[in-house]
All heavy atoms as atom14 arrays in JSON, in Angstrom:
{
  "sequence": "PTSTSRLFPFFGFVSDVPVNSLEVSGASFLTI",
  "atom14_mask": [
    [1, 1, 1, 1, 1, 1, 1, 0, 0, 0, 0, 0, 0, 0],
    [1, 1, 1, 1, 1, 1, 1, 0, 0, 0, 0, 0, 0, 0],
    [1, 1, 1, 1, 1, 1, 0, 0, 0, 0, 0, 0, 0, 0],
    [1, 1, 1, 1, 1, 1, 1, 0, 0, 0, 0, 0, 0, 0],
    [1, 1, 1, 1, 1, 1, 0, 0, 0, 0, 0, 0, 0, 0],
    [1, 1, 1, 1, 1, 1, 1, 1, 1, 1, 1, 0, 0, 0],
    [1, 1, 1, 1, 1, 1, 1, 1, 0, 0, 0, 0, 0, 0],
    [1, 1, 1, 1, 1, 1, 1, 1, 1, 1, 1, 0, 0, 0],
    [1, 1, 1, 1, 1, 1, 1, 0, 0, 0, 0, 0, 0, 0],
    [1, 1, 1, 1, 1, 1, 1, 1, 1, 1, 1, 0, 0, 0],
    [1, 1, 1, 1, 1, 1, 1, 1, 1, 1, 1, 0, 0, 0],
    [1, 1, 1, 1, 0, 0, 0, 0, 0, 0, 0, 0, 0, 0],
    [1, 1, 1, 1, 1, 1, 1, 1, 1, 1, 1, 0, 0, 0],
    [1, 1, 1, 1, 1, 1, 1, 0, 0, 0, 0, 0, 0, 0],
    [1, 1, 1, 1, 1, 1, 0, 0, 0, 0, 0, 0, 0, 0],
    [1, 1, 1, 1, 1, 1, 1, 1, 0, 0, 0, 0, 0, 0],
    [1, 1, 1, 1, 1, 1, 1, 0, 0, 0, 0, 0, 0, 0],
    [1, 1, 1, 1, 1, 1, 1, 0, 0, 0, 0, 0, 0, 0],
    [1, 1, 1, 1, 1, 1, 1, 0, 0, 0, 0, 0, 0, 0],
    [1, 1, 1, 1, 1, 1, 1, 1, 0, 0, 0, 0, 0, 0],
    [1, 1, 1, 1, 1, 1, 0, 0, 0, 0, 0, 0, 0, 0],
    [1, 1, 1, 1, 1, 1, 1, 1, 0, 0, 0, 0, 0, 0],
    [1, 1, 1, 1, 1, 1, 1, 1, 1, 0, 0, 0, 0, 0],
    [1, 1, 1, 1, 1, 1, 1, 0, 0, 0, 0, 0, 0, 0],
    [1, 1, 1, 1, 1, 1, 0, 0, 0, 0, 0, 0, 0, 0],
    [1, 1, 1, 1, 0, 0, 0, 0, 0, 0, 0, 0, 0, 0],
    [1, 1, 1, 1, 1, 0, 0, 0, 0, 0, 0, 0, 0, 0],
    [1, 1, 1, 1, 1, 1, 0, 0, 0, 0, 0, 0, 0, 0],
    [1, 1, 1, 1, 1, 1, 1, 1, 1, 1, 1, 0, 0, 0],
    [1, 1, 1, 1, 1, 1, 1, 1, 0, 0, 0, 0, 0, 0],
    [1, 1, 1, 1, 1, 1, 1, 0, 0, 0, 0, 0, 0, 0],
    [1, 1, 1, 1, 1, 1, 1, 1, 0, 0, 0, 0, 0, 0]
  ],
  "atom14_positions": [
    [[97.59, 113.13, 104.22], [97.73, 112.18, 103.1], [98.56, 110.97, 103.48], [99.44, 111.04, 104.33], [98.44, 113.02, 102.03], [99.23, 114.03, 102.81], [98.39, 114.35, 104.02], [0.0, 0.0, 0.0], [0.0, 0.0, 0.0], [0.0, 0.0, 0.0], [0.0, 0.0, 0.0], [0.0, 0.0, 0.0], [0.0, 0.0, 0.0], [0.0, 0.0, 0.0]],
    [[98.25, 109.83, 102.86], [99.09, 108.64, 102.99], [99.43, 108.15, 101.59], [98.64, 108.3, 100.66], [98.38, 107.52, 103.78], [97.19, 107.13, 103.08], [98.02, 107.97, 105.18], [0.0, 0.0, 0.0], [0.0, 0.0, 0.0], [0.0, 0.0, 0.0], [0.0, 0.0, 0.0], [0.0, 0.0, 0.0], [0.0, 0.0, 0.0], [0.0, 0.0, 0.0]],
    [[100.61, 107.57, 101.45], [101.08, 107.09, 100.15], [102.08, 105.97, 100.38], [102.38, 105.63, 101.53], [101.74, 108.24, 99.37], [102.9, 108.69, 100.05], [0.0, 0.0, 0.0], [0.0, 0.0, 0.0], [0.0, 0.0, 0.0], [0.0, 0.0, 0.0], [0.0, 0.0, 0.0], [0.0, 0.0, 0.0], [0.0, 0.0, 0.0], [0.0, 0.0, 0.0]],
    [[102.61, 105.4, 99.31], [103.56, 104.31, 99.45], [104.85, 104.77, 100.14], [105.56, 103.96, 100.73], [103.92, 103.72, 98.08], [104.34, 104.78, 97.2], [102.71, 103.01, 97.46], [0.0, 0.0, 0.0], [0.0, 0.0, 0.0], [0.0, 0.0, 0.0], [0.0, 0.0, 0.0], [0.0, 0.0, 0.0], [0.0, 0.0, 0.0], [0.0, 0.0, 0.0]],
    [[105.13, 106.06, 100.08], [106.31, 106.59, 100.77], [105.94, 107.16, 102.14], [106.81, 107.63, 102.88], [106.97, 107.69, 99.92], [106.09, 108.78, 99.72], [0.0, 0.0, 0.0], [0.0, 0.0, 0.0], [0.0, 0.0, 0.0], [0.0, 0.0, 0.0], [0.0, 0.0, 0.0], [0.0, 0.0, 0.0], [0.0, 0.0, 0.0], [0.0, 0.0, 0.0]],
    [[104.66, 107.11, 102.47], [104.16, 107.65, 103.75], [103.02, 106.74, 104.21], [101.88, 107.17, 104.33], [103.69, 109.09, 103.53], [103.57, 109.94, 104.78], [103.36, 111.41, 104.42], [103.29, 112.22, 105.61], [102.16, 112.57, 106.22], [101.0, 112.18, 105.73], [102.18, 113.3, 107.3], [0.0, 0.0, 0.0], [0.0, 0.0, 0.0], [0.0, 0.0, 0.0]],
    [[103.35, 105.49, 104.49], [102.33, 104.48, 104.76], [101.65, 104.63, 106.11], [100.47, 104.32, 106.25], [102.96, 103.09, 104.66], [103.19, 102.53, 103.27], [104.01, 101.24, 103.35], [101.86, 102.26, 102.56], [0.0, 0.0, 0.0], [0.0, 0.0, 0.0], [0.0, 0.0, 0.0], [0.0, 0.0, 0.0], [0.0, 0.0, 0.0], [0.0, 0.0, 0.0]],
    [[102.41, 105.06, 107.12], [101.87, 105.06, 108.48], [102.29, 106.32, 109.22], [102.94, 106.25, 110.27], [102.37, 103.81, 109.2], [101.39, 103.23, 110.19], [100.03, 103.26, 109.97], [101.86, 102.6, 111.34], [99.13, 102.7, 110.87], [100.97, 102.04, 112.26], [99.62, 102.08, 112.01], [0.0, 0.0, 0.0], [0.0, 0.0, 0.0], [0.0, 0.0, 0.0]],
    [[101.92, 107.49, 108.7], [102.36, 108.75, 109.31], [101.66, 109.04, 110.64], [100.59, 108.5, 110.92], [101.98, 109.79, 108.27], [100.76, 109.2, 107.63], [101.04, 107.73, 107.55], [0.0, 0.0, 0.0], [0.0, 0.0, 0.0], [0.0, 0.0, 0.0], [0.0, 0.0, 0.0], [0.0, 0.0, 0.0], [0.0, 0.0, 0.0], [0.0, 0.0, 0.0]],
    [[102.27, 109.92, 111.4], [101.63, 110.41, 112.63], [100.69, 111.55, 112.27], [100.97, 112.37, 111.38], [102.67, 110.91, 113.63], [102.05, 111.58, 114.83], [101.6, 110.82, 115.9], [101.86, 112.95, 114.86], [100.98, 111.43, 116.98], [101.24, 113.57, 115.94], [100.8, 112.79, 117.0], [0.0, 0.0, 0.0], [0.0, 0.0, 0.0], [0.0, 0.0, 0.0]],
    [[99.56, 111.62, 112.97], [98.63, 112.74, 112.81], [97.93, 112.94, 114.14], [97.52, 111.98, 114.79], [97.61, 112.45, 111.71], [96.85, 113.67, 111.24], [97.53, 114.83, 110.89], [95.47, 113.66, 111.14], [96.83, 115.95, 110.45], [94.77, 114.77, 110.68], [95.46, 115.91, 110.33], [0.0, 0.0, 0.0], [0.0, 0.0, 0.0], [0.0, 0.0, 0.0]],
    [[97.81, 114.2, 114.57], [97.16, 114.46, 115.84], [96.78, 115.91, 116.02], [97.05, 116.75, 115.16], [0.0, 0.0, 0.0], [0.0, 0.0, 0.0], [0.0, 0.0, 0.0], [0.0, 0.0, 0.0], [0.0, 0.0, 0.0], [0.0, 0.0, 0.0], [0.0, 0.0, 0.0], [0.0, 0.0, 0.0], [0.0, 0.0, 0.0], [0.0, 0.0, 0.0]],
    [[96.16, 116.23, 117.14], [95.75, 117.6, 117.43], [95.9, 117.9, 118.91], [95.88, 117.01, 119.75], [94.29, 117.84, 117.01], [93.28, 117.11, 117.87], [92.81, 117.67, 119.06], [92.82, 115.86, 117.51], [91.9, 117.0, 119.86], [91.91, 115.18, 118.31], [91.45, 115.75, 119.49], [0.0, 0.0, 0.0], [0.0, 0.0, 0.0], [0.0, 0.0, 0.0]],
    [[96.05, 119.18, 119.2], [95.98, 119.7, 120.56], [94.98, 120.85, 120.52], [95.09, 121.75, 119.7], [97.36, 120.2, 121.06], [97.21, 120.83, 122.46], [98.36, 119.05, 121.1], [0.0, 0.0, 0.0], [0.0, 0.0, 0.0], [0.0, 0.0, 0.0], [0.0, 0.0, 0.0], [0.0, 0.0, 0.0], [0.0, 0.0, 0.0], [0.0, 0.0, 0.0]],
    [[93.99, 120.79, 121.4], [92.91, 121.78, 121.4], [92.92, 122.61, 122.67], [93.36, 122.15, 123.72], [91.56, 121.06, 121.26], [90.48, 121.95, 121.37], [0.0, 0.0, 0.0], [0.0, 0.0, 0.0], [0.0, 0.0, 0.0], [0.0, 0.0, 0.0], [0.0, 0.0, 0.0], [0.0, 0.0, 0.0], [0.0, 0.0, 0.0], [0.0, 0.0, 0.0]],
    [[92.41, 123.84, 122.56], [92.32, 124.67, 123.76], [91.0, 124.45, 124.51], [90.76, 125.06, 125.54], [92.51, 126.15, 123.42], [91.49, 126.66, 122.41], [90.57, 125.89, 122.05], [91.61, 127.81, 121.96], [0.0, 0.0, 0.0], [0.0, 0.0, 0.0], [0.0, 0.0, 0.0], [0.0, 0.0, 0.0], [0.0, 0.0, 0.0], [0.0, 0.0, 0.0]],
    [[90.16, 123.55, 123.97], [88.92, 123.16, 124.66], [88.82, 121.64, 124.63], [89.38, 120.99, 123.74], [87.67, 123.78, 123.98], [87.7, 125.3, 124.07], [87.56, 123.33, 122.54], [0.0, 0.0, 0.0], [0.0, 0.0, 0.0], [0.0, 0.0, 0.0], [0.0, 0.0, 0.0], [0.0, 0.0, 0.0], [0.0, 0.0, 0.0], [0.0, 0.0, 0.0]],
    [[88.12, 121.04, 125.59], [87.99, 119.58, 125.59], [87.27, 119.07, 124.35], [86.34, 119.7, 123.84], [87.16, 119.31, 126.86], [87.41, 120.49, 127.74], [87.54, 121.65, 126.8], [0.0, 0.0, 0.0], [0.0, 0.0, 0.0], [0.0, 0.0, 0.0], [0.0, 0.0, 0.0], [0.0, 0.0, 0.0], [0.0, 0.0, 0.0], [0.0, 0.0, 0.0]],
    [[87.71, 117.92, 123.86], [87.09, 117.24, 122.71], [86.52, 115.92, 123.24], [87.24, 115.1, 123.79], [88.12, 116.98, 121.59], [87.47, 116.21, 120.45], [88.7, 118.3, 121.09], [0.0, 0.0, 0.0], [0.0, 0.0, 0.0], [0.0, 0.0, 0.0], [0.0, 0.0, 0.0], [0.0, 0.0, 0.0], [0.0, 0.0, 0.0], [0.0, 0.0, 0.0]],
    [[85.21, 115.73, 123.07], [84.55, 114.56, 123.63], [84.75, 113.3, 122.8], [84.8, 112.19, 123.34], [83.04, 114.82, 123.78], [82.74, 115.97, 124.73], [83.43, 116.15, 125.73], [81.72, 116.75, 124.41], [0.0, 0.0, 0.0], [0.0, 0.0, 0.0], [0.0, 0.0, 0.0], [0.0, 0.0, 0.0], [0.0, 0.0, 0.0], [0.0, 0.0, 0.0]],
    [[84.82, 113.48, 121.47], [84.95, 112.32, 120.59], [85.49, 112.77, 119.24], [85.56, 113.96, 118.94], [83.58, 111.64, 120.41], [82.66, 112.54, 119.79], [0.0, 0.0, 0.0], [0.0, 0.0, 0.0], [0.0, 0.0, 0.0], [0.0, 0.0, 0.0], [0.0, 0.0, 0.0], [0.0, 0.0, 0.0], [0.0, 0.0, 0.0], [0.0, 0.0, 0.0]],
    [[85.87, 111.8, 118.43], [86.27, 112.09, 117.06], [86.01, 110.88, 116.18], [85.93, 109.74, 116.67], [87.74, 112.49, 116.97], [88.8, 111.41, 117.14], [90.04, 111.76, 116.33], [89.18, 111.27, 118.6], [0.0, 0.0, 0.0], [0.0, 0.0, 0.0], [0.0, 0.0, 0.0], [0.0, 0.0, 0.0], [0.0, 0.0, 0.0], [0.0, 0.0, 0.0]],
    [[85.87, 111.14, 114.88], [85.77, 110.08, 113.89], [87.05, 110.1, 113.07], [87.45, 111.14, 112.56], [84.58, 110.31, 112.96], [83.22, 110.15, 113.6], [82.1, 110.35, 112.6], [82.39, 110.78, 111.45], [80.94, 110.08, 112.94], [0.0, 0.0, 0.0], [0.0, 0.0, 0.0], [0.0, 0.0, 0.0], [0.0, 0.0, 0.0], [0.0, 0.0, 0.0]],
    [[87.68, 108.95, 112.96], [88.84, 108.8, 112.1], [88.37, 108.07, 110.86], [87.8, 106.97, 110.97], [89.98, 108.02, 112.8], [91.2, 107.94, 111.9], [90.34, 108.68, 114.12], [0.0, 0.0, 0.0], [0.0, 0.0, 0.0], [0.0, 0.0, 0.0], [0.0, 0.0, 0.0], [0.0, 0.0, 0.0], [0.0, 0.0, 0.0], [0.0, 0.0, 0.0]],
    [[88.55, 108.65, 109.7], [88.02, 108.07, 108.46], [89.12, 107.88, 107.43], [90.1, 108.62, 107.39], [86.92, 108.97, 107.88], [87.41, 110.27, 107.64], [0.0, 0.0, 0.0], [0.0, 0.0, 0.0], [0.0, 0.0, 0.0], [0.0, 0.0, 0.0], [0.0, 0.0, 0.0], [0.0, 0.0, 0.0], [0.0, 0.0, 0.0], [0.0, 0.0, 0.0]],
    [[88.93, 106.87, 106.59], [89.91, 106.59, 105.54], [89.4, 105.52, 104.6], [88.32, 104.97, 104.79], [0.0, 0.0, 0.0], [0.0, 0.0, 0.0], [0.0, 0.0, 0.0], [0.0, 0.0, 0.0], [0.0, 0.0, 0.0], [0.0, 0.0, 0.0], [0.0, 0.0, 0.0], [0.0, 0.0, 0.0], [0.0, 0.0, 0.0], [0.0, 0.0, 0.0]],
    [[90.18, 105.21, 103.59], [89.79, 104.23, 102.58], [90.05, 102.8, 103.06], [90.97, 102.56, 103.86], [90.55, 104.48, 101.28], [0.0, 0.0, 0.0], [0.0, 0.0, 0.0], [0.0, 0.0, 0.0], [0.0, 0.0, 0.0], [0.0, 0.0, 0.0], [0.0, 0.0, 0.0], [0.0, 0.0, 0.0], [0.0, 0.0, 0.0], [0.0, 0.0, 0.0]],
    [[89.22, 101.87, 102.6], [89.41, 100.44, 102.86], [89.57, 100.19, 104.35], [88.85, 100.75, 105.17], [90.63, 99.94, 102.07], [90.69, 98.53, 102.09], [0.0, 0.0, 0.0], [0.0, 0.0, 0.0], [0.0, 0.0, 0.0], [0.0, 0.0, 0.0], [0.0, 0.0, 0.0], [0.0, 0.0, 0.0], [0.0, 0.0, 0.0], [0.0, 0.0, 0.0]],
    [[90.52, 99.33, 104.75], [90.76, 99.08, 106.15], [91.61, 100.2, 106.73], [92.82, 100.24, 106.56], [91.45, 97.73, 106.36], [90.5, 96.6, 106.64], [90.08, 95.78, 105.6], [90.0, 96.38, 107.92], [89.2, 94.73, 105.84], [89.13, 95.34, 108.17], [88.71, 94.51, 107.13], [0.0, 0.0, 0.0], [0.0, 0.0, 0.0], [0.0, 0.0, 0.0]],
    [[90.95, 101.11, 107.43], [91.63, 102.19, 108.13], [92.33, 101.59, 109.35], [91.74, 100.82, 110.09], [90.61, 103.23, 108.57], [91.06, 104.28, 109.57], [92.04, 105.24, 108.91], [89.86, 105.05, 110.11], [0.0, 0.0, 0.0], [0.0, 0.0, 0.0], [0.0, 0.0, 0.0], [0.0, 0.0, 0.0], [0.0, 0.0, 0.0], [0.0, 0.0, 0.0]],
    [[93.6, 101.91, 109.54], [94.38, 101.29, 110.62], [95.06, 102.35, 111.47], [95.6, 103.32, 110.94], [95.43, 100.33, 110.03], [94.76, 99.3, 109.3], [96.27, 99.69, 111.13], [0.0, 0.0, 0.0], [0.0, 0.0, 0.0], [0.0, 0.0, 0.0], [0.0, 0.0, 0.0], [0.0, 0.0, 0.0], [0.0, 0.0, 0.0], [0.0, 0.0, 0.0]],
    [[95.02, 102.18, 112.79], [95.67, 103.13, 113.71], [96.51, 102.36, 114.73], [96.26, 101.19, 115.02], [94.66, 104.04, 114.43], [93.75, 103.23, 115.35], [93.84, 104.83, 113.42], [92.81, 104.09, 116.18], [0.0, 0.0, 0.0], [0.0, 0.0, 0.0], [0.0, 0.0, 0.0], [0.0, 0.0, 0.0], [0.0, 0.0, 0.0], [0.0, 0.0, 0.0]]
  ]
}
């Protein structure tokens, strides 16, 4: 979740198998 008190939080994953790609999705202008 993101909110006015959590505008730019960290989010990530560690996998036990290789990940070839991912889609990052969000409302309006998604920013990373």
